[in-house]
C-alpha atoms as a PDB file:
ATOM      1  CA  UNK A   1      -0.003  -0.001  -0.008  1.00  0.00           C
ATOM      2  CA  UNK A   2       1.329   3.414  -1.010  1.00  0.00           C
ATOM      3  CA  UNK A   3       0.818   6.636   0.990  1.00  0.00           C
ATOM      4  CA  UNK A   4      -0.663   9.751  -0.596  1.00  0.00           C
ATOM      5  CA  UNK A   5      -1.843  13.101   0.640  1.00  0.00           C
ATOM      6  CA  UNK A   6      -3.717  16.124  -0.678  1.00  0.00           C
ATOM      7  CA  UNK A   7      -1.651  19.279  -0.932  1.00  0.00           C
ATOM      8  CA  UNK A   8      -2.496  21.505   2.059  1.00  0.00           C
ATOM      9  CA  UNK A   9      -2.889  25.130   0.960  1.00  0.00           C
ATOM     10  CA  UNK A  10      -2.845  26.605   4.439  1.00  0.00           C
ATOM     11  CA  UNK A  11       0.055  29.005   4.974  1.00  0.00           C
ATOM     12  CA  UNK A  12       0.320  29.674   1.234  1.00  0.00           C
ATOM     13  CA  UNK A  13       1.248  27.468  -1.695  1.00  0.00           C
ATOM     14  CA  UNK A  14       5.022  27.947  -1.584  1.00  0.00           C
ATOM     15  CA  UNK A  15       5.167  26.993   2.051  1.00  0.00           C
ATOM     16  CA  UNK A  16       2.917  23.963   1.390  1.00  0.00           C
ATOM     17  CA  UNK A  17       5.192  22.930  -1.456  1.00  0.00           C
ATOM     18  CA  UNK A  18       8.163  22.991   0.910  1.00  0.00           C
ATOM     19  CA  UNK A  19       6.204  20.781   3.286  1.00  0.00           C
ATOM     20  CA  UNK A  20       5.843  18.272   0.441  1.00  0.00           C
ATOM     21  CA  UNK A  21       9.642  18.167   0.123  1.00  0.00           C
ATOM     22  CA  UNK A  22       9.831  17.101   3.803  1.00  0.00           C
ATOM     23  CA  UNK A  23       7.051  14.515   3.377  1.00  0.00           C
ATOM     24  CA  UNK A  24       8.851  13.137   0.329  1.00  0.00           C
ATOM     25  CA  UNK A  25      11.922  12.499   2.524  1.00  0.00           C
ATOM     26  CA  UNK A  26       9.658  10.709   5.026  1.00  0.00           C
ATOM     27  CA  UNK A  27       8.406   8.304   2.329  1.00  0.00           C
ATOM     28  CA  UNK A  28       5.327   9.966   0.823  1.00  0.00           C
ATOM     29  CA  UNK A  29       4.552   8.250  -2.454  1.00  0.00           C
ATOM     30  CA  UNK A  30       2.021  10.578  -4.136  1.00  0.00           C
ATOM     31  CA  UNK A  31       0.776  14.119  -3.586  1.00  0.00           C
ATOM     32  CA  UNK A  32      -2.551  15.222  -5.082  1.00  0.00           C
ATOM     33  CA  UNK A  33      -3.129  18.834  -6.122  1.00  0.00           C
ATOM     34  CA  UNK A  34      -6.654  20.264  -6.170  1.00  0.00           C
ATOM     35  CA  UNK A  35      -7.775  22.954  -8.588  1.00  0.00           C
ATOM     36  CA  UNK A  36     -11.493  23.552  -7.832  1.00  0.00           C
ATOM     37  CA  UNK A  37     -12.055  27.229  -8.595  1.00  0.00           C
ATOM     38  CA  UNK A  38      -8.769  28.470  -7.153  1.00  0.00           C
ATOM     39  CA  UNK A  39      -5.383  28.707  -8.776  1.00  0.00           C
ATOM     40  CA  UNK A  40      -4.943  26.467 -11.803  1.00  0.00           C
ATOM     41  CA  UNK A  41      -3.558  23.034 -10.908  1.00  0.00           C
ATOM     42  CA  UNK A  42      -0.912  22.604 -13.630  1.00  0.00           C
ATOM     43  CA  UNK A  43       1.048  25.702 -12.540  1.00  0.00           C
ATOM     44  CA  UNK A  44       1.210  24.405  -9.012  1.00  0.00           C
ATOM     45  CA  UNK A  45       2.135  20.852 -10.091  1.00  0.00           C
ATOM     46  CA  UNK A  46       4.900  22.162 -12.308  1.00  0.00           C
ATOM     47  CA  UNK A  47       6.338  24.031  -9.346  1.00  0.00           C
ATOM     48  CA  UNK A  48       6.175  20.855  -7.219  1.00  0.00           C
ATOM     49  CA  UNK A  49       7.888  18.860  -9.955  1.00  0.00           C
ATOM     50  CA  UNK A  50      10.821  21.271  -9.847  1.00  0.00           C
ATOM     51  CA  UNK A  51      11.155  20.978  -6.079  1.00  0.00           C
ATOM     52  CA  UNK A  52      10.878  17.225  -5.715  1.00  0.00           C
ATOM     53  CA  UNK A  53      12.659  14.162  -7.046  1.00  0.00           C
ATOM     54  CA  UNK A  54      10.712  11.008  -6.199  1.00  0.00           C
ATOM     55  CA  UNK A  55       7.206  11.781  -5.001  1.00  0.00           C
ATOM     56  CA  UNK A  56       4.542  11.269  -7.706  1.00  0.00           C
ATOM     57  CA  UNK A  57       2.274  14.226  -8.455  1.00  0.00           C
ATOM     58  CA  UNK A  58      -1.392  13.910  -9.350  1.00  0.00           C
ATOM     59  CA  UNK A  59      -4.236  16.270 -10.259  1.00  0.00           C
ATOM     60  CA  UNK A  60      -7.279  15.763  -8.081  1.00  0.00           C
ATOM     61  CA  UNK A  61      -8.937  16.942 -10.071  1.00  0.00           C
ATOM     62  CA  UNK A  62      -8.856  18.679 -13.422  1.00  0.00           C
ATOM     63  CA  UNK A  63     -12.432  19.141 -14.526  1.00  0.00           C
ATOM     64  CA  UNK A  64     -13.372  17.736 -17.906  1.00  0.00           C
ATOM     65  CA  UNK A  65     -15.287  20.851 -19.030  1.00  0.00           C
ATOM     66  CA  UNK A  66     -12.480  23.375 -18.594  1.00  0.00           C
ATOM     67  CA  UNK A  67     -10.031  22.127 -21.254  1.00  0.00           C
ATOM     68  CA  UNK A  68     -10.304  20.480 -24.652  1.00  0.00           C
ATOM     69  CA  UNK A  69      -9.372  16.796 -24.685  1.00  0.00           C
ATOM     70  CA  UNK A  70      -6.113  17.443 -26.531  1.00  0.00           C
ATOM     71  CA  UNK A  71      -5.139  20.280 -24.208  1.00  0.00           C
ATOM     72  CA  UNK A  72      -5.767  17.909 -21.309  1.00  0.00           C
ATOM     73  CA  UNK A  73      -3.396  15.418 -22.975  1.00  0.00           C
ATOM     74  CA  UNK A  74      -0.815  18.125 -23.671  1.00  0.00           C
ATOM     75  CA  UNK A  75      -0.975  19.264 -20.035  1.00  0.00           C
ATOM     76  CA  UNK A  76      -0.511  15.691 -18.820  1.00  0.00           C
ATOM     77  CA  UNK A  77       2.411  15.137 -21.144  1.00  0.00           C
ATOM     78  CA  UNK A  78       4.013  18.403 -20.104  1.00  0.00           C
ATOM     79  CA  UNK A  79       3.736  17.659 -16.404  1.00  0.00           C
ATOM     80  CA  UNK A  80       4.991  14.129 -16.949  1.00  0.00           C
ATOM     81  CA  UNK A  81       8.049  15.489 -18.746  1.00  0.00           C
ATOM     82  CA  UNK A  82       8.773  18.076 -16.032  1.00  0.00           C
ATOM     83  CA  UNK A  83       8.516  15.376 -13.344  1.00  0.00           C
ATOM     84  CA  UNK A  84      10.460  12.719 -15.283  1.00  0.00           C
ATOM     85  CA  UNK A  85       7.468  10.380 -15.489  1.00  0.00           C
ATOM     86  CA  UNK A  86       5.911  11.012 -12.069  1.00  0.00           C
ATOM     87  CA  UNK A  87       2.579  12.485 -13.150  1.00  0.00           C
ATOM     88  CA  UNK A  88      -0.939  11.067 -12.611  1.00  0.00           C
ATOM     89  CA  UNK A  89      -3.871  12.661 -14.442  1.00  0.00           C
ATOM     90  CA  UNK A  90      -6.909  12.859 -12.199  1.00  0.00           C
ATOM     91  CA  UNK A  91     -10.082  13.865 -14.002  1.00  0.00           C
ATOM     92  CA  UNK A  92     -13.590  14.593 -12.775  1.00  0.00           C
ATOM     93  CA  UNK A  93     -16.825  16.289 -13.782  1.00  0.00           C
ATOM     94  CA  UNK A  94     -17.174  18.509 -10.665  1.00  0.00           C
ATOM     95  CA  UNK A  95     -20.799  19.730 -10.486  1.00  0.00           C
ATOM     96  CA  UNK A  96     -23.185  22.090 -12.278  1.00  0.00           C
ATOM     97  CA  UNK A  97     -22.777  24.799  -9.620  1.00  0.00           C
ATOM     98  CA  UNK A  98     -19.061  25.183 -10.463  1.00  0.00           C
ATOM     99  CA  UNK A  99     -19.098  24.302 -14.155  1.00  0.00           C
ATOM    100  CA  UNK A 100     -22.075  26.452 -15.129  1.00  0.00           C
ATOM    101  CA  UNK A 101     -21.627  29.096 -12.445  1.00  0.00           C
ATOM    102  CA  UNK A 102     -17.902  29.714 -12.567  1.00  0.00           C
ATOM    103  CA  UNK A 103     -16.990  28.527 -16.065  1.00  0.00           C
ATOM    104  CA  UNK A 104     -20.232  29.285 -17.882  1.00  0.00           C
ATOM    105  CA  UNK A 105     -20.204  25.929 -19.662  1.00  0.00           C
ATOM    106  CA  UNK A 106     -23.223  23.556 -19.805  1.00  0.00           C
ATOM    107  CA  UNK A 107     -22.911  20.616 -17.460  1.00  0.00           C
ATOM    108  CA  UNK A 108     -23.938  17.852 -19.836  1.00  0.00           C
ATOM    109  CA  UNK A 109     -23.047  14.171 -20.529  1.00  0.00           C
ATOM    110  CA  UNK A 110     -20.267  13.811 -17.877  1.00  0.00           C
ATOM    111  CA  UNK A 111     -19.897  10.091 -18.407  1.00  0.00           C
ATOM    112  CA  UNK A 112     -19.793  10.185 -22.191  1.00  0.00           C
ATOM    113  CA  UNK A 113     -17.411  13.110 -22.235  1.00  0.00           C
ATOM    114  CA  UNK A 114     -15.089  11.498 -19.676  1.00  0.00           C
ATOM    115  CA  UNK A 115     -14.912   8.270 -21.684  1.00  0.00           C
ATOM    116  CA  UNK A 116     -14.030  10.128 -24.896  1.00  0.00           C
ATOM    117  CA  UNK A 117     -11.488  12.409 -23.208  1.00  0.00           C
ATOM    118  CA  UNK A 118      -9.623   9.429 -21.732  1.00  0.00           C
ATOM    119  CA  UNK A 119      -9.521   7.760 -25.147  1.00  0.00           C
ATOM    120  CA  UNK A 120      -8.214  10.893 -26.840  1.00  0.00           C
ATOM    121  CA  UNK A 121      -5.550  11.494 -24.168  1.00  0.00           C
ATOM    122  CA  UNK A 122      -4.249   7.948 -24.660  1.00  0.00           C
ATOM    123  CA  UNK A 123      -4.156   8.419 -28.418  1.00  0.00           C
ATOM    124  CA  UNK A 124      -2.196  11.663 -28.086  1.00  0.00           C
ATOM    125  CA  UNK A 125       0.376  10.168 -25.717  1.00  0.00           C
ATOM    126  CA  UNK A 126       1.062   7.113 -27.887  1.00  0.00           C
ATOM    127  CA  UNK A 127       1.947   9.414 -30.774  1.00  0.00           C
ATOM    128  CA  UNK A 128       1.353   6.657 -33.331  1.00  0.00           C
ATOM    129  CA  UNK A 129      -0.015   9.121 -35.896  1.00  0.00           C
ATOM    130  CA  UNK A 130      -2.191  12.205 -36.293  1.00  0.00           C
ATOM    131  CA  UNK A 131      -5.049  12.311 -33.778  1.00  0.00           C
ATOM    132  CA  UNK A 132      -8.346  11.380 -35.339  1.00  0.00           C
ATOM    133  CA  UNK A 133     -11.453  10.750 -33.275  1.00  0.00           C
ATOM    134  CA  UNK A 134     -15.100  10.472 -34.233  1.00  0.00           C
ATOM    135  CA  UNK A 135     -17.021  10.497 -31.008  1.00  0.00           C
ATOM    136  CA  UNK A 136     -20.429  11.632 -29.957  1.00  0.00           C
ATOM    137  CA  UNK A 137     -19.073  14.646 -28.104  1.00  0.00           C
ATOM    138  CA  UNK A 138     -15.685  15.251 -29.657  1.00  0.00           C
ATOM    139  CA  UNK A 139     -14.636  15.024 -33.305  1.00  0.00           C
ATOM    140  CA  UNK A 140     -11.026  15.500 -34.322  1.00  0.00           C
ATOM    141  CA  UNK A 141     -10.550  17.123 -36.765  1.00  0.00           C
ATOM    142  CA  UNK A 142     -13.814  19.028 -36.605  1.00  0.00           C
ATOM    143  CA  UNK A 143     -15.874  17.937 -39.612  1.00  0.00           C
ATOM    144  CA  UNK A 144     -17.204  20.203 -42.309  1.00  0.00           C
ATOM    145  CA  UNK A 145     -20.409  21.803 -41.258  1.00  0.00           C
ATOM    146  CA  UNK A 146     -19.230  22.360 -37.704  1.00  0.00           C
ATOM    147  CA  UNK A 147     -16.458  24.781 -38.504  1.00  0.00           C
ATOM    148  CA  UNK A 148     -14.530  26.140 -41.437  1.00  0.00           C
ATOM    149  CA  UNK A 149     -13.815  22.683 -42.807  1.00  0.00           C
ATOM    150  CA  UNK A 150     -10.051  23.494 -42.747  1.00  0.00           C
ATOM    151  CA  UNK A 151      -9.217  21.402 -39.644  1.00  0.00           C
ATOM    152  CA  UNK A 152      -6.218  19.080 -40.070  1.00  0.00           C
ATOM    153  CA  UNK A 153      -5.352  15.909 -38.175  1.00  0.00           C
ATOM    154  CA  UNK A 154      -2.167  16.547 -36.179  1.00  0.00           C
ATOM    155  CA  UNK A 155      -0.019  14.734 -33.667  1.00  0.00           C
ATOM    156  CA  UNK A 156       1.675  16.262 -30.694  1.00  0.00           C
ATOM    157  CA  UNK A 157       4.970  17.853 -31.753  1.00  0.00           C
ATOM    158  CA  UNK A 158       6.956  16.920 -28.651  1.00  0.00           C
ATOM    159  CA  UNK A 159       7.590  13.328 -27.622  1.00  0.00           C
ATOM    160  CA  UNK A 160       5.907  12.398 -24.322  1.00  0.00           C
ATOM    161  CA  UNK A 161       8.149  10.813 -21.711  1.00  0.00           C
ATOM    162  CA  UNK A 162       5.746   7.884 -21.462  1.00  0.00           C
ATOM    163  CA  UNK A 163       3.290   6.533 -24.024  1.00  0.00           C
ATOM    164  CA  UNK A 164       0.781   6.016 -21.205  1.00  0.00           C
ATOM    165  CA  UNK A 165       0.100   8.179 -18.153  1.00  0.00           C
ATOM    166  CA  UNK A 166      -2.171   6.888 -15.346  1.00  0.00           C
ATOM    167  CA  UNK A 167      -5.682   8.294 -15.632  1.00  0.00           C
ATOM    168  CA  UNK A 168      -7.640   8.468 -12.406  1.00  0.00           C
ATOM    169  CA  UNK A 169     -11.334   9.325 -12.321  1.00  0.00           C
ATOM    170  CA  UNK A 170     -13.210  10.957  -9.460  1.00  0.00           C
ATOM    171  CA  UNK A 171     -16.485   9.044  -9.319  1.00  0.00           C
ATOM    172  CA  UNK A 172     -19.308   8.423  -6.917  1.00  0.00           C
ATOM    173  CA  UNK A 173     -22.427   7.486  -8.887  1.00  0.00           C
ATOM    174  CA  UNK A 174     -23.069   3.871  -9.834  1.00  0.00           C
ATOM    175  CA  UNK A 175     -22.675   4.360 -13.569  1.00  0.00           C
ATOM    176  CA  UNK A 176     -19.683   6.593 -13.158  1.00  0.00           C
ATOM    177  CA  UNK A 177     -17.918   4.076 -10.865  1.00  0.00           C
ATOM    178  CA  UNK A 178     -18.731   1.272 -13.361  1.00  0.00           C
ATOM    179  CA  UNK A 179     -17.127   3.289 -16.163  1.00  0.00           C
ATOM    180  CA  UNK A 180     -14.125   3.995 -13.930  1.00  0.00           C
ATOM    181  CA  UNK A 181     -13.605   0.280 -13.293  1.00  0.00           C
ATOM    182  CA  UNK A 182     -13.821  -0.324 -17.011  1.00  0.00           C
ATOM    183  CA  UNK A 183     -11.512   2.336 -18.481  1.00  0.00           C
ATOM    184  CA  UNK A 184      -9.459   4.094 -15.785  1.00  0.00           C
ATOM    185  CA  UNK A 185      -6.149   3.318 -14.156  1.00  0.00           C
ATOM    186  CA  UNK A 186      -7.325   4.588 -10.779  1.00  0.00           C
ATOM    187  CA  UNK A 187     -10.400   5.642  -8.824  1.00  0.00           C
ATOM    188  CA  UNK A 188     -10.757   8.715  -6.578  1.00  0.00           C
ATOM    189  CA  UNK A 189     -13.844   8.439  -4.360  1.00  0.00           C
ATOM    190  CA  UNK A 190     -14.729  10.890  -1.575  1.00  0.00           C
ATOM    191  CA  UNK A 191     -16.068  10.291   1.888  1.00  0.00           C
ATOM    192  CA  UNK A 192     -15.027   6.652   1.519  1.00  0.00           C
ATOM    193  CA  UNK A 193     -16.042   4.227   4.291  1.00  0.00           C
ATOM    194  CA  UNK A 194     -14.169   0.975   3.726  1.00  0.00           C
ATOM    195  CA  UNK A 195     -16.565  -1.191   5.699  1.00  0.00           C
ATOM    196  CA  UNK A 196     -19.523   0.055   3.633  1.00  0.00           C
ATOM    197  CA  UNK A 197     -17.826   0.482   0.218  1.00  0.00           C
ATOM    198  CA  UNK A 198     -18.627  -2.985  -1.158  1.00  0.00           C
ATOM    199  CA  UNK A 199     -22.315  -2.574  -0.342  1.00  0.00           C
ATOM    200  CA  UNK A 200     -22.436   0.767  -2.128  1.00  0.00           C
ATOM    201  CA  UNK A 201     -20.106   0.188  -5.079  1.00  0.00           C
ATOM    202  CA  UNK A 202     -19.420  -3.525  -5.273  1.00  0.00           C
ATOM    203  CA  UNK A 203     -21.888  -4.229  -8.091  1.00  0.00           C
ATOM    204  CA  UNK A 204     -20.675  -1.243 -10.121  1.00  0.00           C
ATOM    205  CA  UNK A 205     -17.025  -2.195  -9.718  1.00  0.00           C
ATOM    206  CA  UNK A 206     -17.747  -5.792 -10.736  1.00  0.00           C
ATOM    207  CA  UNK A 207     -19.719  -4.743 -13.801  1.00  0.00           C
ATOM    208  CA  UNK A 208     -16.979  -2.386 -14.952  1.00  0.00           C
ATOM    209  CA  UNK A 209     -14.199  -4.842 -14.268  1.00  0.00           C
ATOM    210  CA  UNK A 210     -15.946  -7.440 -16.393  1.00  0.00           C
ATOM    211  CA  UNK A 211     -15.582  -5.074 -19.401  1.00  0.00           C
ATOM    212  CA  UNK A 212     -12.071  -3.934 -18.550  1.00  0.00           C
ATOM    213  CA  UNK A 213      -9.389  -4.212 -21.253  1.00  0.00           C
ATOM    214  CA  UNK A 214      -6.887  -6.902 -20.392  1.00  0.00           C
ATOM    215  CA  UNK A 215      -4.023  -4.494 -21.243  1.00  0.00           C
ATOM    216  CA  UNK A 216      -4.939  -2.331 -18.231  1.00  0.00           C
ATOM    217  CA  UNK A 217      -3.434  -3.174 -14.810  1.00  0.00           C
ATOM    218  CA  UNK A 218      -5.831  -3.724 -11.867  1.00  0.00           C
ATOM    219  CA  UNK A 219      -7.695  -0.583 -10.822  1.00  0.00           C
ATOM    220  CA  UNK A 220      -5.856   1.564  -8.271  1.00  0.00           C
ATOM    221  CA  UNK A 221      -7.880   3.267  -5.501  1.00  0.00           C
ATOM    222  CA  UNK A 222      -6.966   6.158  -3.258  1.00  0.00           C
ATOM    223  CA  UNK A 223      -8.980   6.789  -0.046  1.00  0.00           C
ATOM    224  CA  UNK A 224      -8.465   7.583   3.598  1.00  0.00           C
ATOM    225  CA  UNK A 225      -8.824  10.614   5.827  1.00  0.00           C
ATOM    226  CA  UNK A 226      -7.374  12.722   8.619  1.00  0.00           C
ATOM    227  CA  UNK A 227      -4.429  11.002  10.309  1.00  0.00           C
ATOM    228  CA  UNK A 228      -3.605  11.584  14.016  1.00  0.00           C
ATOM    229  CA  UNK A 229      -1.725   9.081  16.096  1.00  0.00           C
ATOM    230  CA  UNK A 230      -1.436   9.133  19.863  1.00  0.00           C
ATOM    231  CA  UNK A 231      -3.009   8.174  23.162  1.00  0.00           C
ATOM    232  CA  UNK A 232      -5.789  10.023  24.878  1.00  0.00           C
ATOM    233  CA  UNK A 233      -9.169  11.473  24.079  1.00  0.00           C
ATOM    234  CA  UNK A 234      -7.597  14.665  22.662  1.00  0.00           C
ATOM    235  CA  UNK A 235      -6.339  12.714  19.655  1.00  0.00           C
ATOM    236  CA  UNK A 236      -9.691  11.080  19.024  1.00  0.00           C
ATOM    237  CA  UNK A 237     -11.338  14.512  19.388  1.00  0.00           C
ATOM    238  CA  UNK A 238      -9.410  15.740  16.361  1.00  0.00           C
ATOM    239  CA  UNK A 239     -12.017  13.997  14.271  1.00  0.00           C
ATOM    240  CA  UNK A 240     -14.185  17.011  15.005  1.00  0.00           C
ATOM    241  CA  UNK A 241     -12.052  19.046  12.640  1.00  0.00           C
ATOM    242  CA  UNK A 242     -13.588  17.040   9.773  1.00  0.00           C
ATOM    243  CA  UNK A 243     -17.177  17.767  10.813  1.00  0.00           C
ATOM    244  CA  UNK A 244     -17.526  21.105   8.885  1.00  0.00           C
ATOM    245  CA  UNK A 245     -16.175  19.483   5.728  1.00  0.00           C
ATOM    246  CA  UNK A 246     -18.608  16.596   5.874  1.00  0.00           C
ATOM    247  CA  UNK A 247     -21.521  18.979   6.484  1.00  0.00           C
ATOM    248  CA  UNK A 248     -20.404  21.089   3.537  1.00  0.00           C
ATOM    249  CA  UNK A 249     -20.279  18.184   1.134  1.00  0.00           C
ATOM    250  CA  UNK A 250     -23.320  16.280   2.350  1.00  0.00           C
ATOM    251  CA  UNK A 251     -25.388  19.403   2.968  1.00  0.00           C
ATOM    252  CA  UNK A 252     -24.164  22.213   0.773  1.00  0.00           C
ATOM    253  CA  UNK A 253     -22.230  20.845  -2.194  1.00  0.00           C
ATOM    254  CA  UNK A 254     -25.067  20.974  -4.733  1.00  0.00           C
ATOM    255  CA  UNK A 255     -28.808  21.469  -4.607  1.00  0.00           C
ATOM    256  CA  UNK A 256     -31.711  19.499  -3.224  1.00  0.00           C
ATOM    257  CA  UNK A 257     -31.959  16.372  -5.311  1.00  0.00           C
ATOM    258  CA  UNK A 258     -28.611  17.103  -7.040  1.00  0.00           C
ATOM    259  CA  UNK A 259     -25.887  16.433  -4.484  1.00  0.00           C
ATOM    260  CA  UNK A 260     -23.687  13.418  -5.236  1.00  0.00           C
ATOM    261  CA  UNK A 261     -22.169  13.378  -1.759  1.00  0.00           C
ATOM    262  CA  UNK A 262     -25.583  13.413  -0.111  1.00  0.00           C
ATOM    263  CA  UNK A 263     -26.537  10.481  -2.317  1.00  0.00           C
ATOM    264  CA  UNK A 264     -23.512   8.569  -1.074  1.00  0.00           C
ATOM    265  CA  UNK A 265     -24.368   9.232   2.569  1.00  0.00           C
ATOM    266  CA  UNK A 266     -27.872   7.907   1.863  1.00  0.00           C
ATOM    267  CA  UNK A 267     -26.489   4.778   0.259  1.00  0.00           C
ATOM    268  CA  UNK A 268     -24.224   4.247   3.298  1.00  0.00           C
ATOM    269  CA  UNK A 269     -27.387   4.029   5.410  1.00  0.00           C
ATOM    270  CA  UNK A 270     -27.528   7.609   6.756  1.00  0.00           C
ATOM    271  CA  UNK A 271     -30.684   8.552   4.919  1.00  0.00           C
ATOM    272  CA  UNK A 272     -32.394  10.493   7.711  1.00  0.00           C
ATOM    273  CA  UNK A 273     -29.193  12.195   8.823  1.00  0.00           C
ATOM    274  CA  UNK A 274     -28.295  13.202   5.235  1.00  0.00           C
ATOM    275  CA  UNK A 275     -31.698  14.814   4.773  1.00  0.00           C
ATOM    276  CA  UNK A 276     -31.423  16.737   8.058  1.00  0.00           C
ATOM    277  CA  UNK A 277     -27.863  17.918   7.292  1.00  0.00           C
ATOM    278  CA  UNK A 278     -28.878  19.140   3.852  1.00  0.00           C
ATOM    279  CA  UNK A 279     -32.021  20.907   4.983  1.00  0.00           C
ATOM    280  CA  UNK A 280     -30.156  22.707   7.725  1.00  0.00           C
ATOM    281  CA  UNK A 281     -27.180  23.650   5.547  1.00  0.00           C
ATOM    282  CA  UNK A 282     -29.265  24.985   2.693  1.00  0.00           C
ATOM    283  CA  UNK A 283     -31.335  27.064   5.077  1.00  0.00           C
ATOM    284  CA  UNK A 284     -28.170  28.726   6.338  1.00  0.00           C
ATOM    285  CA  UNK A 285     -27.936  26.827   9.652  1.00  0.00           C
ATOM    286  CA  UNK A 286     -24.382  25.567   9.114  1.00  0.00           C
ATOM    287  CA  UNK A 287     -23.542  24.995  12.805  1.00  0.00           C
ATOM    288  CA  UNK A 288     -26.681  22.889  13.263  1.00  0.00           C
ATOM    289  CA  UNK A 289     -25.872  20.980  10.081  1.00  0.00           C
ATOM    290  CA  UNK A 290     -22.405  20.201  11.406  1.00  0.00           C
ATOM    291  CA  UNK A 291     -23.832  19.020  14.705  1.00  0.00           C
ATOM    292  CA  UNK A 292     -26.131  16.629  12.832  1.00  0.00           C
ATOM    293  CA  UNK A 293     -23.220  14.721  11.258  1.00  0.00           C
ATOM    294  CA  UNK A 294     -23.112  11.310  12.994  1.00  0.00           C
ATOM    295  CA  UNK A 295     -20.065  10.656  15.166  1.00  0.00           C
ATOM    296  CA  UNK A 296     -19.821   7.214  13.579  1.00  0.00           C
ATOM    297  CA  UNK A 297     -19.446   8.830  10.130  1.00  0.00           C
ATOM    298  CA  UNK A 298     -16.521  10.913  11.380  1.00  0.00           C
ATOM    299  CA  UNK A 299     -14.863   7.868  12.931  1.00  0.00           C
ATOM    300  CA  UNK A 300     -15.205   5.699   9.843  1.00  0.00           C
ATOM    301  CA  UNK A 301     -13.785   8.374   7.511  1.00  0.00           C
ATOM    302  CA  UNK A 302     -10.704   9.222   9.607  1.00  0.00           C
ATOM    303  CA  UNK A 303      -7.640   7.552  11.160  1.00  0.00           C
ATOM    304  CA  UNK A 304      -7.388   9.143  14.603  1.00  0.00           C
ATOM    305  CA  UNK A 305      -6.308   7.260  17.717  1.00  0.00           C
ATOM    306  CA  UNK A 306      -3.606   5.065  19.206  1.00  0.00           C
ATOM    307  CA  UNK A 307      -1.152   3.384  16.833  1.00  0.00           C
ATOM    308  CA  UNK A 308      -2.843  -0.029  17.163  1.00  0.00           C
ATOM    309  CA  UNK A 309      -6.231   1.511  16.301  1.00  0.00           C
ATOM    310  CA  UNK A 310      -4.777   3.278  13.239  1.00  0.00           C
ATOM    311  CA  UNK A 311      -3.257  -0.057  12.165  1.00  0.00           C
ATOM    312  CA  UNK A 312      -6.723  -1.633  12.308  1.00  0.00           C
ATOM    313  CA  UNK A 313      -8.143   1.194  10.196  1.00  0.00           C
ATOM    314  CA  UNK A 314      -5.397   0.709   7.646  1.00  0.00           C
ATOM    315  CA  UNK A 315      -6.223  -2.990   7.519  1.00  0.00           C
ATOM    316  CA  UNK A 316      -9.861  -2.063   6.779  1.00  0.00           C
ATOM    317  CA  UNK A 317      -8.806   0.113   3.873  1.00  0.00           C
ATOM    318  CA  UNK A 318      -6.602  -2.636   2.530  1.00  0.00           C
ATOM    319  CA  UNK A 319      -9.502  -5.105   2.742  1.00  0.00           C
ATOM    320  CA  UNK A 320     -11.606  -2.645   0.732  1.00  0.00           C
ATOM    321  CA  UNK A 321      -9.047  -2.584  -2.096  1.00  0.00           C
ATOM    322  CA  UNK A 322      -7.334   0.706  -1.341  1.00  0.00           C
ATOM    323  CA  UNK A 323      -3.894   0.857  -3.017  1.00  0.00           C
ATOM    324  CA  UNK A 324      -2.984   4.420  -2.043  1.00  0.00           C
ATOM    325  CA  UNK A 325      -3.895   5.323   1.546  1.00  0.00           C
ATOM    326  CA  UNK A 326      -4.856   8.995   1.484  1.00  0.00           C
ATOM    327  CA  UNK A 327      -3.907  10.786   4.696  1.00  0.00           C
ATOM    328  CA  UNK A 328      -4.074  14.342   5.999  1.00  0.00           C
ATOM    329  CA  UNK A 329      -1.481  14.308   8.812  1.00  0.00           C
ATOM    330  CA  UNK A 330      -2.382  16.300  11.936  1.00  0.00           C
ATOM    331  CA  UNK A 331       0.556  16.209  14.357  1.00  0.00           C
ATOM    332  CA  UNK A 332       0.081  16.410  18.100  1.00  0.00           C
ATOM    333  CA  UNK A 333       2.557  17.602  20.705  1.00  0.00           C
ATOM    334  CA  UNK A 334       6.164  16.790  19.752  1.00  0.00           C
ATOM    335  CA  UNK A 335       5.237  15.442  16.278  1.00  0.00           C
ATOM    336  CA  UNK A 336       5.870  16.668  12.768  1.00  0.00           C
ATOM    337  CA  UNK A 337       3.753  15.802   9.761  1.00  0.00           C
ATOM    338  CA  UNK A 338       6.731  13.842   8.453  1.00  0.00           C
ATOM    339  CA  UNK A 339       6.725  11.739  11.632  1.00  0.00           C
ATOM    340  CA  UNK A 340       3.162  10.669  10.913  1.00  0.00           C
ATOM    341  CA  UNK A 341       4.000   9.802   7.332  1.00  0.00           C
ATOM    342  CA  UNK A 342       6.925   7.632   8.523  1.00  0.00           C
ATOM    343  CA  UNK A 343       4.669   5.856  11.031  1.00  0.00           C
ATOM    344  CA  UNK A 344       1.794   5.236   8.657  1.00  0.00           C
ATOM    345  CA  UNK A 345       4.232   4.058   6.012  1.00  0.00           C
ATOM    346  CA  UNK A 346       5.516   1.468   8.479  1.00  0.00           C
ATOM    347  CA  UNK A 347       2.051   0.414   9.542  1.00  0.00           C
ATOM    348  CA  UNK A 348       0.870   0.063   5.953  1.00  0.00           C
ATOM    349  CA  UNK A 349       3.753  -2.246   5.147  1.00  0.00           C
END
């Protein structure tokens, strides 16, 4: 099991990047860089590539609506070159609030577009000839009648470091997870509870795996949560730091009837709690929404407690098929984030 973390932006990006250098020395395998609607991810990942030597760098995520498929491939190839083959391309659809609100682009056909973008990226990277693609959502070159008719099939000028770059998909819905298991190299879920994952996604994963190309390696999976190791109730109480985030996603990330994270909470068995959290959050009662998040949900989505307890949580993630344990280290007295990475690296084997 490899160890990954999400880049922490607190304190400013340059300071966070220096922290990654220290975590790399401690054994961190992969750092994920978010984009959302902040600074663009590729600029930050290029900076990280220049500072580091061994840690792999992944986008989590670049949204499929914000770049053309070939630009996505060019970006992936560029970052892979800067990092000497350490890049992972994490893609996702985000949601209509961000895509239509911030980018002004219609949020349509996320599954179909994702499938075609992945196929185009792989064609670009292989560089076996000019890129030609006749899909439902993307046609390369653009055919006559949709433009000037002067489009020409081209292949990327530069030679990618690798003919294949790992593509990870952020997916929660049943059909999206099925497609991920079919075509992706890795899966990025959110609010992942290992003990309940098979019940929620087992059928989708099995259906997608049955259609998976034999040339693809087994699906990678990154999941985990806040990491705090130590004795005493104060360490366990650190789970409370996650409460606002869970309330935000389950309650406020989307609209009534259109919130993927709320749907996952329901499928986990927290139907009543998910409804209450959402109603409170959308009515502006954020503190009450946070209080409504079940303590059990916080425990099952974090790794906070004595070393033996954390080892048990790691075992649960392994049992659920997690290949990259995702941790957000929170040091207690006398600890550094790097100390936690070293410990969890040892516990994960």
